[in-house]
């Protein structure tokens, strides 16, 4: 059976990249339930900085209860008026919500046939949605997998300018316990991606 010309083969490295984007998106979209905590506790990393950060996160997941991490998530991202952090590209890049970065993202989403789900009310430029979009583009979850040039363009436009800063803030946030190593994993991963895209010819 031969592949049609518009199908892009997904190699193992790209699947792992997509998995990590999706994992970060899951952890940042809502407090992890018991199943996700168990899955996280089962992770193991190598001796690299990213691997060590994943190992630290796994150890914490083994010690964390769902009620505790839900409370932490709420303090970080929701709060009574607002959470400790505002995980939106518009806020990080302009100081305000719903600004030009969101409009630009919506244009790019529309061009790719993507739209916010009807039951989702968060602006699309939140970090969880962007992680999910990037993971989906890599493996073609919403259509044909994006080639390297398209991945690079999306990453450089919507993620690179602010995501590393956000993940650093998450590492250092006063309410971060479980989410501190999530911030470390995100910061290191975004740095790896930025360097790989910088060196790529795509």
Protein backbone atom coordinates (compact mmCIF):
# COMPACT_ATOMS: atom_id res chain seq x y z
CA UNK A 1 0.00 0.00 0.00
CA UNK A 2 1.51 3.33 -1.02
CA UNK A 3 0.98 6.61 0.77
CA UNK A 4 -0.81 9.35 -1.10
CA UNK A 5 1.30 12.45 -1.78
CA UNK A 6 -0.48 14.59 0.82
CA UNK A 7 0.20 12.16 3.69
CA UNK A 8 3.25 12.99 5.79
CA UNK A 9 4.82 10.06 7.65
CA UNK A 10 5.15 10.69 11.39
CA UNK A 11 8.43 9.47 12.81
CA UNK A 12 8.90 8.34 16.41
CA UNK A 13 10.65 11.54 17.47
CA UNK A 14 7.76 13.66 16.21
CA UNK A 15 5.23 11.43 17.96
CA UNK A 16 7.14 11.90 21.22
CA UNK A 17 7.18 15.68 20.66
CA UNK A 18 3.44 15.66 20.03
CA UNK A 19 2.90 13.51 23.13
CA UNK A 20 4.77 16.00 25.30
CA UNK A 21 2.86 18.96 23.88
CA UNK A 22 -0.41 17.12 24.52
CA UNK A 23 0.68 16.11 28.03
CA UNK A 24 1.49 19.72 28.94
CA UNK A 25 -1.81 20.81 27.42
CA UNK A 26 -3.70 18.30 29.55
CA UNK A 27 -1.99 19.35 32.78
CA UNK A 28 -2.61 23.03 32.06
CA UNK A 29 -6.20 22.80 30.83
CA UNK A 30 -7.66 21.49 34.09
CA UNK A 31 -6.51 19.91 37.35
CA UNK A 32 -5.30 16.36 36.72
CA UNK A 33 -7.66 13.60 37.80
CA UNK A 34 -6.47 10.45 39.53
CA UNK A 35 -5.87 8.67 36.23
CA UNK A 36 -3.61 11.43 34.91
CA UNK A 37 -1.74 11.61 38.23
CA UNK A 38 -1.13 7.85 38.07
CA UNK A 39 0.03 8.16 34.46
CA UNK A 40 2.35 11.02 35.44
CA UNK A 41 3.72 9.05 38.39
CA UNK A 42 4.68 6.27 35.98
CA UNK A 43 6.90 8.48 33.84
CA UNK A 44 10.67 8.12 33.93
CA UNK A 45 13.33 10.41 32.54
CA UNK A 46 16.95 10.09 31.49
CA UNK A 47 19.96 12.11 32.68
CA UNK A 48 19.20 15.12 30.47
CA UNK A 49 17.77 18.31 31.98
CA UNK A 50 14.38 17.47 30.48
CA UNK A 51 14.58 13.88 31.70
CA UNK A 52 15.45 14.98 35.23
CA UNK A 53 12.55 17.45 35.25
CA UNK A 54 10.18 14.67 34.13
CA UNK A 55 11.53 12.40 36.90
CA UNK A 56 10.94 15.13 39.49
CA UNK A 57 7.39 15.61 38.24
CA UNK A 58 6.77 11.84 38.42
CA UNK A 59 8.00 11.69 42.03
CA UNK A 60 5.70 14.56 43.00
CA UNK A 61 2.74 12.96 41.24
CA UNK A 62 3.17 9.86 43.42
CA UNK A 63 2.82 12.03 46.53
CA UNK A 64 0.01 14.29 45.29
CA UNK A 65 -3.70 13.84 45.90
CA UNK A 66 -6.30 15.06 43.43
CA UNK A 67 -7.91 17.43 45.95
CA UNK A 68 -4.51 19.00 46.72
CA UNK A 69 -3.57 19.57 43.09
CA UNK A 70 -7.05 20.91 42.30
CA UNK A 71 -6.65 23.50 45.03
CA UNK A 72 -3.20 24.39 43.71
CA UNK A 73 -4.51 24.70 40.14
CA UNK A 74 -7.30 27.00 41.29
CA UNK A 75 -4.91 29.28 43.17
CA UNK A 76 -2.56 29.43 40.20
CA UNK A 77 -5.02 29.92 37.36
CA UNK A 78 -8.48 30.82 38.68
CA UNK A 79 -8.51 32.46 42.13
CA UNK A 80 -11.35 34.52 43.54
CA UNK A 81 -10.85 37.41 41.13
CA UNK A 82 -7.96 35.97 39.10
CA UNK A 83 -5.26 33.39 39.60
CA UNK A 84 -1.62 34.07 40.35
CA UNK A 85 -0.82 33.61 36.65
CA UNK A 86 -2.68 34.61 33.50
CA UNK A 87 -1.62 31.98 30.93
CA UNK A 88 -2.52 33.89 27.76
CA UNK A 89 -0.33 35.07 24.91
CA UNK A 90 -2.16 38.42 24.73
CA UNK A 91 -1.47 39.13 28.40
CA UNK A 92 2.20 38.17 28.23
CA UNK A 93 2.84 40.10 25.03
CA UNK A 94 0.67 43.20 25.54
CA UNK A 95 -0.30 43.28 29.23
CA UNK A 96 -3.98 42.89 28.34
CA UNK A 97 -6.33 40.02 27.48
CA UNK A 98 -8.00 39.56 24.08
CA UNK A 99 -5.51 41.68 22.17
CA UNK A 100 -3.79 41.38 18.78
CA UNK A 101 -2.00 38.05 19.53
CA UNK A 102 -5.41 36.42 19.96
CA UNK A 103 -6.75 37.94 16.72
CA UNK A 104 -3.64 36.76 14.84
CA UNK A 105 -4.00 33.26 16.28
CA UNK A 106 -7.67 33.11 15.26
CA UNK A 107 -6.71 34.03 11.70
CA UNK A 108 -4.14 31.23 11.60
CA UNK A 109 -6.60 28.76 13.16
CA UNK A 110 -9.22 29.66 10.57
CA UNK A 111 -6.70 29.18 7.76
CA UNK A 112 -6.01 25.68 9.11
CA UNK A 113 -9.69 24.85 9.56
CA UNK A 114 -9.48 24.98 13.36
CA UNK A 115 -12.11 26.53 15.63
CA UNK A 116 -12.71 26.73 19.37
CA UNK A 117 -15.09 24.04 20.62
CA UNK A 118 -18.54 25.36 21.44
CA UNK A 119 -18.30 24.25 25.07
CA UNK A 120 -14.96 26.04 25.59
CA UNK A 121 -15.09 29.64 26.75
CA UNK A 122 -11.41 30.33 27.33
CA UNK A 123 -9.68 32.57 24.77
CA UNK A 124 -7.79 30.41 22.28
CA UNK A 125 -4.42 31.97 23.11
CA UNK A 126 -4.18 30.21 26.47
CA UNK A 127 -1.13 28.02 26.95
CA UNK A 128 -3.08 24.76 27.21
CA UNK A 129 -4.83 25.31 23.87
CA UNK A 130 -1.58 26.26 22.14
CA UNK A 131 0.15 23.13 23.44
CA UNK A 132 -2.78 21.04 22.19
CA UNK A 133 -2.77 22.76 18.78
CA UNK A 134 0.96 22.23 18.34
CA UNK A 135 0.68 18.55 19.24
CA UNK A 136 -2.26 18.12 16.88
CA UNK A 137 -0.43 19.81 14.00
CA UNK A 138 2.60 17.52 14.36
CA UNK A 139 0.60 14.30 14.01
CA UNK A 140 -2.27 15.61 11.88
CA UNK A 141 -5.04 15.03 14.42
CA UNK A 142 -7.27 17.60 12.70
CA UNK A 143 -6.28 16.73 9.14
CA UNK A 144 -2.98 16.37 7.34
CA UNK A 145 0.12 16.54 9.54
CA UNK A 146 1.89 19.90 9.28
CA UNK A 147 5.30 19.87 7.65
CA UNK A 148 8.32 21.30 9.45
CA UNK A 149 7.96 24.74 7.87
CA UNK A 150 4.34 25.05 9.04
CA UNK A 151 5.24 23.83 12.54
CA UNK A 152 8.10 26.32 12.71
CA UNK A 153 5.90 29.20 11.56
CA UNK A 154 3.17 28.45 14.10
CA UNK A 155 5.66 27.93 16.93
CA UNK A 156 7.65 31.09 16.20
CA UNK A 157 4.52 33.21 15.86
CA UNK A 158 2.34 31.97 18.71
CA UNK A 159 4.49 30.05 21.23
CA UNK A 160 8.14 31.12 21.16
CA UNK A 161 7.58 34.81 22.02
CA UNK A 162 6.09 34.08 25.45
CA UNK A 163 5.70 30.42 26.45
CA UNK A 164 9.21 30.11 27.93
CA UNK A 165 8.54 33.16 30.09
CA UNK A 166 5.22 31.72 31.24
CA UNK A 167 6.78 28.37 32.15
CA UNK A 168 9.54 30.16 34.10
CA UNK A 169 6.85 32.08 36.00
CA UNK A 170 5.05 28.79 36.70
CA UNK A 171 8.27 27.30 38.10
CA UNK A 172 8.68 30.23 40.48
CA UNK A 173 5.04 30.93 41.39
CA UNK A 174 4.43 31.00 45.13
CA UNK A 175 1.51 28.59 44.78
CA UNK A 176 3.42 26.09 42.60
CA UNK A 177 4.24 22.75 44.17
CA UNK A 178 3.11 20.05 41.74
CA UNK A 179 3.16 22.66 38.97
CA UNK A 180 6.73 23.81 39.65
CA UNK A 181 8.26 20.84 37.78
CA UNK A 182 5.52 21.19 35.13
CA UNK A 183 6.99 24.66 34.60
CA UNK A 184 10.49 23.22 34.43
CA UNK A 185 9.48 20.58 31.88
CA UNK A 186 7.71 23.23 29.79
CA UNK A 187 10.57 25.74 29.94
CA UNK A 188 13.20 23.19 28.93
CA UNK A 189 11.03 21.66 26.20
CA UNK A 190 10.19 25.03 24.66
CA UNK A 191 13.90 25.86 24.66
CA UNK A 192 14.72 22.59 22.90
CA UNK A 193 12.00 23.19 20.31
CA UNK A 194 13.12 26.78 19.70
CA UNK A 195 16.72 25.68 19.11
CA UNK A 196 15.67 22.80 16.85
CA UNK A 197 13.50 25.09 14.75
CA UNK A 198 16.30 27.67 14.61
CA UNK A 199 18.68 25.08 13.20
CA UNK A 200 16.15 23.53 10.82
CA UNK A 201 15.91 24.38 7.15
CA UNK A 202 12.10 24.09 7.19
